[in-house]
Amino acid sequence: MIMTDLLLIAAAYLLGSISSAILVCRVMHLPDPRSEGSHNPGATNVLRIGGRKAAFLTLAGDMLKGFLPTLTANLMGVDPLVLAAVGLAAFLGHLYPLFFGFKGGKGVATALGVQFGLGWLIGGVVTGIWLIMVRLAKISSVSALIAMALAPLVIWWLWPMPELIAMQVVISLILFWRHRSNIRDLISGKEGQIDQERGLE
């Protein structure tokens, strides 16, 4: 069982390390997202340089990287600590991809995929919070950060396992760190509105 658990965690990290943004841009003959726009390999930056279709494919790929390994571990009925480790490994794979020099995206879409892998209701509630904040704040980064800040409470409410709550707290803290440039822009009033962004990085 220990070997199976380790393989699940390793597979989650390796799947997370596959950069959807870079692969989509290569297939669609678009500029490398690491060298254009915000230089972030995420859906928002792909939207800027390649349009909605490329951004949608990137978003879907990034979510699946979190969803598939977490759902697999969940269906296998692994210990909550292992399930938390699998979700965190997929998330960290996106942020620090083995195949792309450990330079990845910001992780919101992959984190959302992890939440859907834990349960459709968990992912749905977090998505609902994000959509409400999109309508109210009209700034993508604000909406994503508020949704992820509340995500530990959503897990506590719907599946109150300490290991899963701790996993989401770690993910949320890392997300805020990865969005520190967005936070600086928000404070200075430079952050773009949702109609200029429309996406998750």
N, C-alpha and C. Protein backbone atom coordinates (compact mmCIF):
# COMPACT_ATOMS: atom_id res chain seq x y z
N MET A 1 0.82 -1.21 0.00
CA MET A 1 0.00 0.00 0.00
C MET A 1 0.86 1.26 0.00
N ILE A 2 1.98 1.20 0.73
CA ILE A 2 2.86 2.37 0.77
C ILE A 2 3.39 2.67 -0.62
N MET A 3 3.79 1.62 -1.36
CA MET A 3 4.29 1.82 -2.72
C MET A 3 3.21 2.40 -3.62
N THR A 4 1.98 1.91 -3.48
CA THR A 4 0.88 2.44 -4.29
C THR A 4 0.65 3.91 -3.98
N ASP A 5 0.70 4.25 -2.70
CA ASP A 5 0.50 5.65 -2.30
C ASP A 5 1.59 6.54 -2.88
N LEU A 6 2.83 6.08 -2.82
CA LEU A 6 3.95 6.87 -3.36
C LEU A 6 3.83 7.03 -4.87
N LEU A 7 3.38 5.97 -5.55
CA LEU A 7 3.20 6.05 -7.00
C LEU A 7 2.09 7.05 -7.36
N LEU A 8 1.02 7.07 -6.57
CA LEU A 8 -0.06 8.02 -6.82
C LEU A 8 0.44 9.45 -6.66
N ILE A 9 1.22 9.69 -5.63
CA ILE A 9 1.74 11.04 -5.38
C ILE A 9 2.70 11.45 -6.48
N ALA A 10 3.61 10.52 -6.87
CA ALA A 10 4.57 10.83 -7.93
C ALA A 10 3.87 11.06 -9.26
N ALA A 11 2.87 10.24 -9.57
CA ALA A 11 2.13 10.40 -10.82
C ALA A 11 1.39 11.74 -10.85
N ALA A 12 0.85 12.15 -9.70
CA ALA A 12 0.15 13.43 -9.62
C ALA A 12 1.10 14.58 -9.92
N TYR A 13 2.29 14.53 -9.36
CA TYR A 13 3.27 15.59 -9.61
C TYR A 13 3.69 15.60 -11.08
N LEU A 14 3.93 14.43 -11.66
CA LEU A 14 4.37 14.37 -13.06
C LEU A 14 3.27 14.86 -13.99
N LEU A 15 2.02 14.48 -13.71
CA LEU A 15 0.91 14.98 -14.53
C LEU A 15 0.79 16.49 -14.38
N GLY A 16 0.94 16.99 -13.17
CA GLY A 16 0.90 18.43 -12.96
C GLY A 16 2.01 19.16 -13.68
N SER A 17 3.12 18.47 -13.91
CA SER A 17 4.28 19.08 -14.56
C SER A 17 4.10 19.28 -16.06
N ILE A 18 3.04 18.72 -16.63
CA ILE A 18 2.78 18.91 -18.05
C ILE A 18 2.10 20.27 -18.23
N SER A 19 2.79 21.19 -18.88
CA SER A 19 2.27 22.56 -19.01
C SER A 19 1.26 22.66 -20.15
N SER A 20 -0.01 22.79 -19.80
CA SER A 20 -1.05 22.92 -20.81
C SER A 20 -0.83 24.15 -21.67
N ALA A 21 -0.45 25.26 -21.04
CA ALA A 21 -0.28 26.52 -21.78
C ALA A 21 0.80 26.39 -22.85
N ILE A 22 1.93 25.82 -22.47
CA ILE A 22 3.04 25.70 -23.43
C ILE A 22 2.68 24.74 -24.56
N LEU A 23 2.06 23.61 -24.21
CA LEU A 23 1.70 22.63 -25.24
C LEU A 23 0.64 23.17 -26.18
N VAL A 24 -0.38 23.84 -25.63
CA VAL A 24 -1.43 24.41 -26.49
C VAL A 24 -0.83 25.44 -27.43
N CYS A 25 0.05 26.28 -26.92
CA CYS A 25 0.65 27.31 -27.77
C CYS A 25 1.54 26.70 -28.85
N ARG A 26 2.23 25.62 -28.53
CA ARG A 26 3.06 24.96 -29.54
C ARG A 26 2.20 24.34 -30.64
N VAL A 27 1.13 23.65 -30.23
CA VAL A 27 0.25 22.99 -31.20
C VAL A 27 -0.44 24.01 -32.09
N MET A 28 -0.82 25.16 -31.52
CA MET A 28 -1.54 26.19 -32.26
C MET A 28 -0.61 27.24 -32.87
N HIS A 29 0.70 26.97 -32.81
CA HIS A 29 1.71 27.85 -33.41
C HIS A 29 1.61 29.28 -32.88
N LEU A 30 1.46 29.37 -31.56
CA LEU A 30 1.42 30.66 -30.89
C LEU A 30 2.74 30.92 -30.19
N PRO A 31 3.02 32.16 -29.81
CA PRO A 31 4.26 32.45 -29.08
C PRO A 31 4.30 31.70 -27.74
N ASP A 32 5.48 31.43 -27.27
CA ASP A 32 5.66 30.79 -25.97
C ASP A 32 5.10 31.73 -24.89
N PRO A 33 4.15 31.28 -24.07
CA PRO A 33 3.55 32.18 -23.07
C PRO A 33 4.55 32.66 -22.02
N ARG A 34 5.69 31.98 -21.93
CA ARG A 34 6.69 32.41 -20.97
C ARG A 34 7.49 33.61 -21.46
N SER A 35 7.33 33.94 -22.75
CA SER A 35 8.09 35.05 -23.32
C SER A 35 7.20 36.19 -23.81
N GLU A 36 5.88 36.05 -23.64
CA GLU A 36 4.94 37.07 -24.11
C GLU A 36 3.99 37.45 -22.99
N GLY A 37 3.37 38.62 -23.12
CA GLY A 37 2.37 39.05 -22.15
C GLY A 37 2.93 39.16 -20.75
N SER A 38 2.27 38.47 -19.81
CA SER A 38 2.71 38.48 -18.41
C SER A 38 3.83 37.48 -18.15
N HIS A 39 4.19 36.71 -19.17
CA HIS A 39 5.23 35.66 -19.08
C HIS A 39 4.79 34.51 -18.18
N ASN A 40 3.51 34.42 -17.90
CA ASN A 40 3.00 33.34 -17.05
C ASN A 40 2.32 32.28 -17.92
N PRO A 41 2.74 31.00 -17.77
CA PRO A 41 2.11 29.93 -18.56
C PRO A 41 0.76 29.51 -17.96
N GLY A 42 -0.22 30.38 -18.12
CA GLY A 42 -1.56 30.11 -17.62
C GLY A 42 -2.61 30.56 -18.62
N ALA A 43 -3.87 30.24 -18.32
CA ALA A 43 -4.95 30.50 -19.26
C ALA A 43 -5.14 31.99 -19.56
N THR A 44 -4.98 32.84 -18.54
CA THR A 44 -5.17 34.26 -18.76
C THR A 44 -4.15 34.81 -19.75
N ASN A 45 -2.91 34.43 -19.61
CA ASN A 45 -1.89 34.92 -20.53
C ASN A 45 -2.06 34.33 -21.92
N VAL A 46 -2.50 33.07 -22.00
CA VAL A 46 -2.77 32.46 -23.31
C VAL A 46 -3.92 33.19 -23.99
N LEU A 47 -4.91 33.63 -23.21
CA LEU A 47 -5.99 34.43 -23.78
C LEU A 47 -5.45 35.70 -24.41
N ARG A 48 -4.51 36.34 -23.74
CA ARG A 48 -3.94 37.59 -24.26
C ARG A 48 -3.23 37.36 -25.60
N ILE A 49 -2.51 36.25 -25.70
CA ILE A 49 -1.66 36.07 -26.89
C ILE A 49 -2.28 35.17 -27.95
N GLY A 50 -3.34 34.40 -27.58
CA GLY A 50 -3.87 33.44 -28.55
C GLY A 50 -5.37 33.39 -28.69
N GLY A 51 -6.11 34.10 -27.84
CA GLY A 51 -7.56 34.11 -27.98
C GLY A 51 -8.27 33.10 -27.11
N ARG A 52 -9.60 33.08 -27.23
CA ARG A 52 -10.44 32.31 -26.31
C ARG A 52 -10.29 30.80 -26.47
N LYS A 53 -10.17 30.31 -27.70
CA LYS A 53 -10.06 28.86 -27.90
C LYS A 53 -8.82 28.32 -27.22
N ALA A 54 -7.70 28.97 -27.44
CA ALA A 54 -6.44 28.54 -26.82
C ALA A 54 -6.53 28.64 -25.30
N ALA A 55 -7.16 29.70 -24.81
CA ALA A 55 -7.30 29.89 -23.36
C ALA A 55 -8.19 28.81 -22.75
N PHE A 56 -9.28 28.47 -23.45
CA PHE A 56 -10.18 27.44 -22.94
C PHE A 56 -9.47 26.08 -22.86
N LEU A 57 -8.72 25.75 -23.89
CA LEU A 57 -7.99 24.48 -23.89
C LEU A 57 -6.95 24.45 -22.76
N THR A 58 -6.30 25.58 -22.54
CA THR A 58 -5.33 25.66 -21.45
C THR A 58 -6.01 25.50 -20.10
N LEU A 59 -7.12 26.20 -19.93
CA LEU A 59 -7.87 26.12 -18.67
C LEU A 59 -8.33 24.69 -18.40
N ALA A 60 -8.88 24.04 -19.44
CA ALA A 60 -9.35 22.67 -19.28
C ALA A 60 -8.20 21.72 -18.93
N GLY A 61 -7.08 21.89 -19.61
CA GLY A 61 -5.92 21.05 -19.33
C GLY A 61 -5.40 21.24 -17.92
N ASP A 62 -5.33 22.49 -17.48
CA ASP A 62 -4.83 22.77 -16.13
C ASP A 62 -5.77 22.22 -15.06
N MET A 63 -7.07 22.30 -15.29
CA MET A 63 -8.01 21.74 -14.32
C MET A 63 -7.92 20.22 -14.27
N LEU A 64 -7.79 19.59 -15.44
CA LEU A 64 -7.70 18.13 -15.49
C LEU A 64 -6.48 17.61 -14.75
N LYS A 65 -5.40 18.39 -14.78
CA LYS A 65 -4.18 17.96 -14.08
C LYS A 65 -4.41 17.83 -12.58
N GLY A 66 -5.27 18.66 -12.04
CA GLY A 66 -5.61 18.54 -10.62
C GLY A 66 -6.72 17.55 -10.37
N PHE A 67 -7.67 17.51 -11.31
CA PHE A 67 -8.87 16.68 -11.14
C PHE A 67 -8.58 15.19 -11.24
N LEU A 68 -7.88 14.77 -12.28
CA LEU A 68 -7.72 13.33 -12.55
C LEU A 68 -6.97 12.59 -11.45
N PRO A 69 -5.80 13.06 -11.02
CA PRO A 69 -5.12 12.30 -9.96
C PRO A 69 -5.86 12.33 -8.62
N THR A 70 -6.48 13.47 -8.30
CA THR A 70 -7.22 13.56 -7.04
C THR A 70 -8.45 12.67 -7.06
N LEU A 71 -9.17 12.67 -8.17
CA LEU A 71 -10.35 11.81 -8.30
C LEU A 71 -9.95 10.34 -8.23
N THR A 72 -8.85 9.99 -8.91
CA THR A 72 -8.39 8.59 -8.90
C THR A 72 -8.09 8.14 -7.48
N ALA A 73 -7.32 8.95 -6.75
CA ALA A 73 -6.99 8.61 -5.37
C ALA A 73 -8.23 8.55 -4.50
N ASN A 74 -9.16 9.45 -4.76
CA ASN A 74 -10.41 9.50 -4.00
C ASN A 74 -11.22 8.23 -4.23
N LEU A 75 -11.36 7.82 -5.48
CA LEU A 75 -12.13 6.61 -5.80
C LEU A 75 -11.47 5.35 -5.27
N MET A 76 -10.15 5.39 -5.14
CA MET A 76 -9.43 4.23 -4.60
C MET A 76 -9.56 4.14 -3.08
N GLY A 77 -10.13 5.17 -2.47
CA GLY A 77 -10.35 5.14 -1.04
C GLY A 77 -9.09 5.22 -0.20
N VAL A 78 -8.11 5.98 -0.68
CA VAL A 78 -6.85 6.09 0.06
C VAL A 78 -7.06 6.87 1.36
N ASP A 79 -6.09 6.77 2.24
CA ASP A 79 -6.11 7.52 3.49
C ASP A 79 -6.20 9.02 3.19
N PRO A 80 -6.93 9.79 4.01
CA PRO A 80 -7.04 11.23 3.76
C PRO A 80 -5.69 11.95 3.64
N LEU A 81 -4.69 11.50 4.37
CA LEU A 81 -3.37 12.12 4.27
C LEU A 81 -2.77 11.90 2.89
N VAL A 82 -2.96 10.70 2.35
CA VAL A 82 -2.46 10.40 1.00
C VAL A 82 -3.24 11.20 -0.04
N LEU A 83 -4.56 11.27 0.14
CA LEU A 83 -5.39 12.05 -0.78
C LEU A 83 -4.95 13.51 -0.79
N ALA A 84 -4.68 14.06 0.40
CA ALA A 84 -4.20 15.44 0.48
C ALA A 84 -2.84 15.59 -0.21
N ALA A 85 -1.97 14.61 -0.03
CA ALA A 85 -0.64 14.66 -0.66
C ALA A 85 -0.74 14.59 -2.17
N VAL A 86 -1.68 13.80 -2.68
CA VAL A 86 -1.87 13.69 -4.13
C VAL A 86 -2.34 15.03 -4.71
N GLY A 87 -3.33 15.64 -4.05
CA GLY A 87 -3.81 16.93 -4.52
C GLY A 87 -2.74 18.00 -4.49
N LEU A 88 -1.98 18.03 -3.41
CA LEU A 88 -0.91 19.02 -3.29
C LEU A 88 0.19 18.76 -4.32
N ALA A 89 0.50 17.49 -4.58
CA ALA A 89 1.54 17.16 -5.56
C ALA A 89 1.15 17.62 -6.96
N ALA A 90 -0.12 17.43 -7.33
CA ALA A 90 -0.58 17.88 -8.65
C ALA A 90 -0.47 19.39 -8.76
N PHE A 91 -0.86 20.08 -7.70
CA PHE A 91 -0.79 21.54 -7.67
C PHE A 91 0.66 22.02 -7.78
N LEU A 92 1.55 21.43 -7.01
CA LEU A 92 2.96 21.83 -7.04
C LEU A 92 3.61 21.48 -8.38
N GLY A 93 3.13 20.41 -9.01
CA GLY A 93 3.64 20.07 -10.34
C GLY A 93 3.35 21.17 -11.34
N HIS A 94 2.17 21.77 -11.24
CA HIS A 94 1.83 22.89 -12.12
C HIS A 94 2.71 24.10 -11.85
N LEU A 95 2.95 24.39 -10.58
CA LEU A 95 3.74 25.55 -10.21
C LEU A 95 5.22 25.36 -10.51
N TYR A 96 5.70 24.15 -10.27
CA TYR A 96 7.13 23.85 -10.42
C TYR A 96 7.29 22.60 -11.28
N PRO A 97 7.01 22.72 -12.59
CA PRO A 97 6.99 21.56 -13.47
C PRO A 97 8.38 20.99 -13.76
N LEU A 98 8.52 19.70 -13.56
CA LEU A 98 9.78 19.01 -13.82
C LEU A 98 10.22 19.16 -15.28
N PHE A 99 9.26 19.16 -16.20
CA PHE A 99 9.57 19.15 -17.62
C PHE A 99 9.84 20.53 -18.21
N PHE A 100 9.63 21.58 -17.43
CA PHE A 100 9.77 22.93 -17.96
C PHE A 100 10.58 23.82 -17.02
N GLY A 101 11.67 23.27 -16.52
CA GLY A 101 12.60 24.06 -15.72
C GLY A 101 12.05 24.56 -14.40
N PHE A 102 11.02 23.87 -13.88
CA PHE A 102 10.42 24.23 -12.58
C PHE A 102 9.83 25.64 -12.58
N LYS A 103 9.43 26.12 -13.78
CA LYS A 103 8.82 27.44 -13.89
C LYS A 103 7.42 27.28 -14.48
N GLY A 104 6.42 27.31 -13.62
CA GLY A 104 5.06 27.07 -14.06
C GLY A 104 4.13 28.22 -13.82
N GLY A 105 2.83 27.93 -13.83
CA GLY A 105 1.81 28.96 -13.69
C GLY A 105 1.50 29.26 -12.24
N LYS A 106 0.40 29.98 -12.03
CA LYS A 106 0.04 30.43 -10.69
C LYS A 106 -0.84 29.44 -9.94
N GLY A 107 -1.55 28.57 -10.67
CA GLY A 107 -2.16 27.42 -10.03
C GLY A 107 -3.64 27.46 -9.71
N VAL A 108 -4.36 28.52 -10.05
CA VAL A 108 -5.77 28.59 -9.67
C VAL A 108 -6.59 27.49 -10.32
N ALA A 109 -6.42 27.30 -11.62
CA ALA A 109 -7.22 26.29 -12.32
C ALA A 109 -6.90 24.88 -11.83
N THR A 110 -5.63 24.59 -11.58
CA THR A 110 -5.25 23.28 -11.08
C THR A 110 -5.79 23.06 -9.68
N ALA A 111 -5.76 24.10 -8.84
CA ALA A 111 -6.33 24.00 -7.51
C ALA A 111 -7.83 23.72 -7.58
N LEU A 112 -8.50 24.36 -8.52
CA LEU A 112 -9.94 24.11 -8.69
C LEU A 112 -10.18 22.67 -9.15
N GLY A 113 -9.30 22.15 -10.00
CA GLY A 113 -9.41 20.75 -10.41
C GLY A 113 -9.26 19.81 -9.24
N VAL A 114 -8.34 20.11 -8.34
CA VAL A 114 -8.17 19.31 -7.12
C VAL A 114 -9.45 19.32 -6.30
N GLN A 115 -10.07 20.49 -6.17
CA GLN A 115 -11.31 20.59 -5.39
C GLN A 115 -12.43 19.78 -6.02
N PHE A 116 -12.54 19.80 -7.34
CA PHE A 116 -13.55 18.96 -8.00
C PHE A 116 -13.22 17.49 -7.82
N GLY A 117 -11.92 17.15 -7.75
CA GLY A 117 -11.54 15.77 -7.51
C GLY A 117 -11.93 15.28 -6.13
N LEU A 118 -11.95 16.18 -5.15
CA LEU A 118 -12.41 15.84 -3.81
C LEU A 118 -13.92 15.62 -3.80
N GLY A 119 -14.64 16.41 -4.59
CA GLY A 119 -16.09 16.26 -4.66
C GLY A 119 -16.69 17.32 -5.54
N TRP A 120 -17.71 16.96 -6.29
CA TRP A 120 -18.33 17.91 -7.20
C TRP A 120 -18.92 19.10 -6.44
N LEU A 121 -19.45 18.85 -5.25
CA LEU A 121 -20.05 19.93 -4.49
C LEU A 121 -18.99 20.91 -3.99
N ILE A 122 -17.85 20.38 -3.56
CA ILE A 122 -16.75 21.25 -3.11
C ILE A 122 -16.29 22.15 -4.26
N GLY A 123 -15.99 21.53 -5.40
CA GLY A 123 -15.57 22.31 -6.56
C GLY A 123 -16.64 23.27 -7.02
N GLY A 124 -17.90 22.82 -6.96
CA GLY A 124 -18.99 23.67 -7.41
C GLY A 124 -19.19 24.89 -6.54
N VAL A 125 -19.06 24.72 -5.22
CA VAL A 125 -19.23 25.86 -4.32
C VAL A 125 -18.12 26.87 -4.52
N VAL A 126 -16.87 26.38 -4.62
CA VAL A 126 -15.75 27.31 -4.84
C VAL A 126 -15.91 28.03 -6.18
N THR A 127 -16.34 27.30 -7.21
CA THR A 127 -16.58 27.93 -8.50
C THR A 127 -17.69 28.97 -8.39
N GLY A 128 -18.73 28.65 -7.63
CA GLY A 128 -19.82 29.60 -7.44
C GLY A 128 -19.36 30.87 -6.77
N ILE A 129 -18.48 30.74 -5.76
CA ILE A 129 -17.93 31.92 -5.10
C ILE A 129 -17.15 32.75 -6.10
N TRP A 130 -16.35 32.07 -6.92
CA TRP A 130 -15.55 32.79 -7.92
C TRP A 130 -16.46 33.55 -8.89
N LEU A 131 -17.52 32.89 -9.36
CA LEU A 131 -18.41 33.53 -10.33
C LEU A 131 -19.14 34.73 -9.71
N ILE A 132 -19.55 34.60 -8.46
CA ILE A 132 -20.21 35.73 -7.78
C ILE A 132 -19.25 36.91 -7.66
N MET A 133 -17.99 36.61 -7.30
CA MET A 133 -17.00 37.68 -7.15
C MET A 133 -16.62 38.29 -8.51
N VAL A 134 -16.66 37.49 -9.56
CA VAL A 134 -16.42 38.02 -10.90
C VAL A 134 -17.47 39.08 -11.21
N ARG A 135 -18.70 38.76 -10.87
CA ARG A 135 -19.80 39.71 -11.16
C ARG A 135 -19.69 40.96 -10.30
N LEU A 136 -19.27 40.80 -9.05
CA LEU A 136 -19.20 41.94 -8.13
C LEU A 136 -17.93 42.76 -8.31
N ALA A 137 -16.79 42.09 -8.37
CA ALA A 137 -15.50 42.79 -8.39
C ALA A 137 -15.02 43.09 -9.80
N LYS A 138 -15.38 42.21 -10.75
CA LYS A 138 -14.99 42.37 -12.16
C LYS A 138 -13.46 42.37 -12.34
N ILE A 139 -12.76 41.75 -11.41
CA ILE A 139 -11.30 41.61 -11.53
C ILE A 139 -10.97 40.14 -11.28
N SER A 140 -10.33 39.49 -12.26
CA SER A 140 -10.10 38.06 -12.21
C SER A 140 -9.29 37.65 -11.00
N SER A 141 -8.20 38.36 -10.72
CA SER A 141 -7.33 37.97 -9.61
C SER A 141 -8.05 38.09 -8.27
N VAL A 142 -8.82 39.16 -8.09
CA VAL A 142 -9.58 39.33 -6.84
C VAL A 142 -10.57 38.19 -6.67
N SER A 143 -11.29 37.85 -7.73
CA SER A 143 -12.28 36.79 -7.67
C SER A 143 -11.64 35.46 -7.30
N ALA A 144 -10.52 35.15 -7.96
CA ALA A 144 -9.84 33.88 -7.71
C ALA A 144 -9.28 33.83 -6.30
N LEU A 145 -8.68 34.90 -5.84
CA LEU A 145 -8.07 34.90 -4.52
C LEU A 145 -9.11 34.80 -3.41
N ILE A 146 -10.23 35.48 -3.56
CA ILE A 146 -11.28 35.39 -2.55
C ILE A 146 -11.86 33.97 -2.52
N ALA A 147 -12.08 33.39 -3.71
CA ALA A 147 -12.60 32.01 -3.76
C ALA A 147 -11.64 31.04 -3.09
N MET A 148 -10.35 31.20 -3.35
CA MET A 148 -9.37 30.29 -2.76
C MET A 148 -9.15 30.57 -1.27
N ALA A 149 -9.33 31.80 -0.85
CA ALA A 149 -9.23 32.11 0.57
C ALA A 149 -10.36 31.44 1.34
N LEU A 150 -11.52 31.31 0.72
CA LEU A 150 -12.68 30.69 1.37
C LEU A 150 -12.72 29.17 1.18
N ALA A 151 -11.88 28.65 0.28
CA ALA A 151 -11.90 27.22 -0.03
C ALA A 151 -11.67 26.33 1.20
N PRO A 152 -10.73 26.67 2.12
CA PRO A 152 -10.59 25.82 3.31
C PRO A 152 -11.88 25.72 4.13
N LEU A 153 -12.63 26.82 4.19
CA LEU A 153 -13.91 26.80 4.91
C LEU A 153 -14.93 25.92 4.19
N VAL A 154 -14.89 25.94 2.87
CA VAL A 154 -15.80 25.10 2.09
C VAL A 154 -15.51 23.62 2.37
N ILE A 155 -14.23 23.26 2.38
CA ILE A 155 -13.87 21.86 2.67
C ILE A 155 -14.24 21.52 4.11
N TRP A 156 -13.99 22.42 5.04
CA TRP A 156 -14.36 22.19 6.45
C TRP A 156 -15.86 21.94 6.58
N TRP A 157 -16.64 22.65 5.80
CA TRP A 157 -18.09 22.54 5.84
C TRP A 157 -18.57 21.22 5.22
N LEU A 158 -18.00 20.85 4.07
CA LEU A 158 -18.52 19.72 3.30
C LEU A 158 -17.78 18.40 3.56
N TRP A 159 -16.50 18.47 3.93
CA TRP A 159 -15.74 17.25 4.20
C TRP A 159 -14.69 17.58 5.26
N PRO A 160 -15.09 17.68 6.50
CA PRO A 160 -14.21 18.21 7.55
C PRO A 160 -13.12 17.24 8.00
N MET A 161 -12.21 16.93 7.09
CA MET A 161 -11.05 16.11 7.42
C MET A 161 -9.86 17.04 7.62
N PRO A 162 -9.17 16.97 8.75
CA PRO A 162 -8.06 17.89 9.01
C PRO A 162 -6.99 17.88 7.91
N GLU A 163 -6.71 16.70 7.37
CA GLU A 163 -5.67 16.61 6.33
C GLU A 163 -6.06 17.38 5.08
N LEU A 164 -7.32 17.30 4.69
CA LEU A 164 -7.79 17.99 3.48
C LEU A 164 -7.87 19.50 3.70
N ILE A 165 -8.31 19.88 4.89
CA ILE A 165 -8.36 21.31 5.21
C ILE A 165 -6.95 21.89 5.20
N ALA A 166 -5.99 21.16 5.81
CA ALA A 166 -4.61 21.62 5.84
C ALA A 166 -4.03 21.73 4.43
N MET A 167 -4.35 20.75 3.58
CA MET A 167 -3.90 20.80 2.19
C MET A 167 -4.37 22.08 1.51
N GLN A 168 -5.66 22.40 1.69
CA GLN A 168 -6.20 23.58 1.03
C GLN A 168 -5.64 24.86 1.61
N VAL A 169 -5.37 24.88 2.91
CA VAL A 169 -4.74 26.06 3.52
C VAL A 169 -3.37 26.30 2.89
N VAL A 170 -2.59 25.23 2.73
CA VAL A 170 -1.26 25.36 2.10
C VAL A 170 -1.40 25.86 0.67
N ILE A 171 -2.32 25.27 -0.09
CA ILE A 171 -2.54 25.68 -1.48
C ILE A 171 -2.94 27.15 -1.54
N SER A 172 -3.86 27.55 -0.68
CA SER A 172 -4.34 28.94 -0.69
C SER A 172 -3.22 29.92 -0.35
N LEU A 173 -2.39 29.58 0.62
CA LEU A 173 -1.27 30.45 0.99
C LEU A 173 -0.28 30.59 -0.16
N ILE A 174 0.01 29.47 -0.82
CA ILE A 174 0.93 29.51 -1.96
C ILE A 174 0.34 30.34 -3.09
N LEU A 175 -0.97 30.21 -3.32
CA LEU A 175 -1.63 30.98 -4.36
C LEU A 175 -1.50 32.48 -4.11
N PHE A 176 -1.67 32.87 -2.87
CA PHE A 176 -1.52 34.29 -2.55
C PHE A 176 -0.08 34.74 -2.80
N TRP A 177 0.88 33.90 -2.47
CA TRP A 177 2.29 34.24 -2.72
C TRP A 177 2.55 34.35 -4.22
N ARG A 178 2.00 33.43 -5.00
CA ARG A 178 2.22 33.45 -6.45
C ARG A 178 1.53 34.65 -7.10
N HIS A 179 0.51 35.18 -6.45
CA HIS A 179 -0.22 36.34 -6.99
C HIS A 179 0.23 37.66 -6.36
N ARG A 180 1.42 37.65 -5.76
CA ARG A 180 1.86 38.88 -5.07
C ARG A 180 1.99 40.07 -6.01
N SER A 181 2.37 39.83 -7.29
CA SER A 181 2.44 40.95 -8.23
C SER A 181 1.05 41.49 -8.53
N ASN A 182 0.06 40.58 -8.62
CA ASN A 182 -1.33 41.03 -8.82
C ASN A 182 -1.82 41.84 -7.63
N ILE A 183 -1.43 41.41 -6.43
CA ILE A 183 -1.84 42.11 -5.22
C ILE A 183 -1.23 43.50 -5.18
N ARG A 184 0.04 43.60 -5.59
CA ARG A 184 0.68 44.92 -5.66
C ARG A 184 -0.04 45.82 -6.65
N ASP A 185 -0.44 45.25 -7.80
CA ASP A 185 -1.16 46.03 -8.81
C ASP A 185 -2.53 46.45 -8.30
N LEU A 186 -3.17 45.57 -7.53
CA LEU A 186 -4.47 45.91 -6.95
C LEU A 186 -4.34 47.10 -6.00
N ILE A 187 -3.31 47.07 -5.19
CA ILE A 187 -3.10 48.15 -4.23
C ILE A 187 -2.82 49.47 -4.93
N SER A 188 -2.10 49.39 -6.05
CA SER A 188 -1.75 50.60 -6.79
C SER A 188 -2.80 50.99 -7.83
N GLY A 189 -3.85 50.16 -7.98
CA GLY A 189 -4.92 50.46 -8.93
C GLY A 189 -4.60 50.14 -10.36
N LYS A 190 -3.61 49.26 -10.59
CA LYS A 190 -3.19 48.94 -11.96
C LYS A 190 -3.75 47.62 -12.47
N GLU A 191 -4.39 46.84 -11.61
CA GLU A 191 -4.87 45.53 -12.02
C GLU A 191 -6.03 45.66 -12.99
N GLY A 192 -5.96 44.91 -14.11
CA GLY A 192 -6.99 45.00 -15.14
C GLY A 192 -8.29 44.35 -14.72
N GLN A 193 -9.39 44.79 -15.32
CA GLN A 193 -10.70 44.23 -15.01
C GLN A 193 -10.93 42.96 -15.81
N ILE A 194 -12.00 42.26 -15.45
CA ILE A 194 -12.27 40.95 -16.01
C ILE A 194 -12.48 40.97 -17.52
N ASP A 195 -13.00 42.06 -18.05
CA ASP A 195 -13.22 42.10 -19.49
C ASP A 195 -11.91 42.23 -20.25
N GLN A 196 -10.84 42.54 -19.54
CA GLN A 196 -9.52 42.59 -20.15
C GLN A 196 -8.76 41.30 -19.95
N GLU A 197 -9.26 40.41 -19.05
CA GLU A 197 -8.51 39.22 -18.69
C GLU A 197 -9.28 37.95 -19.05
N ARG A 198 -10.39 37.74 -18.33
CA ARG A 198 -11.23 36.56 -18.53
C ARG A 198 -10.43 35.26 -18.54
N GLY A 199 -10.00 34.87 -17.41
CA GLY A 199 -9.34 33.59 -17.35
C GLY A 199 -8.76 33.32 -15.99
N LEU A 200 -8.17 32.14 -15.85
CA LEU A 200 -7.51 31.74 -14.62
C LEU A 200 -6.09 31.33 -14.94
N GLU A 201 -5.14 31.84 -14.17
CA GLU A 201 -3.76 31.45 -14.39
C GLU A 201 -3.33 30.42 -13.36
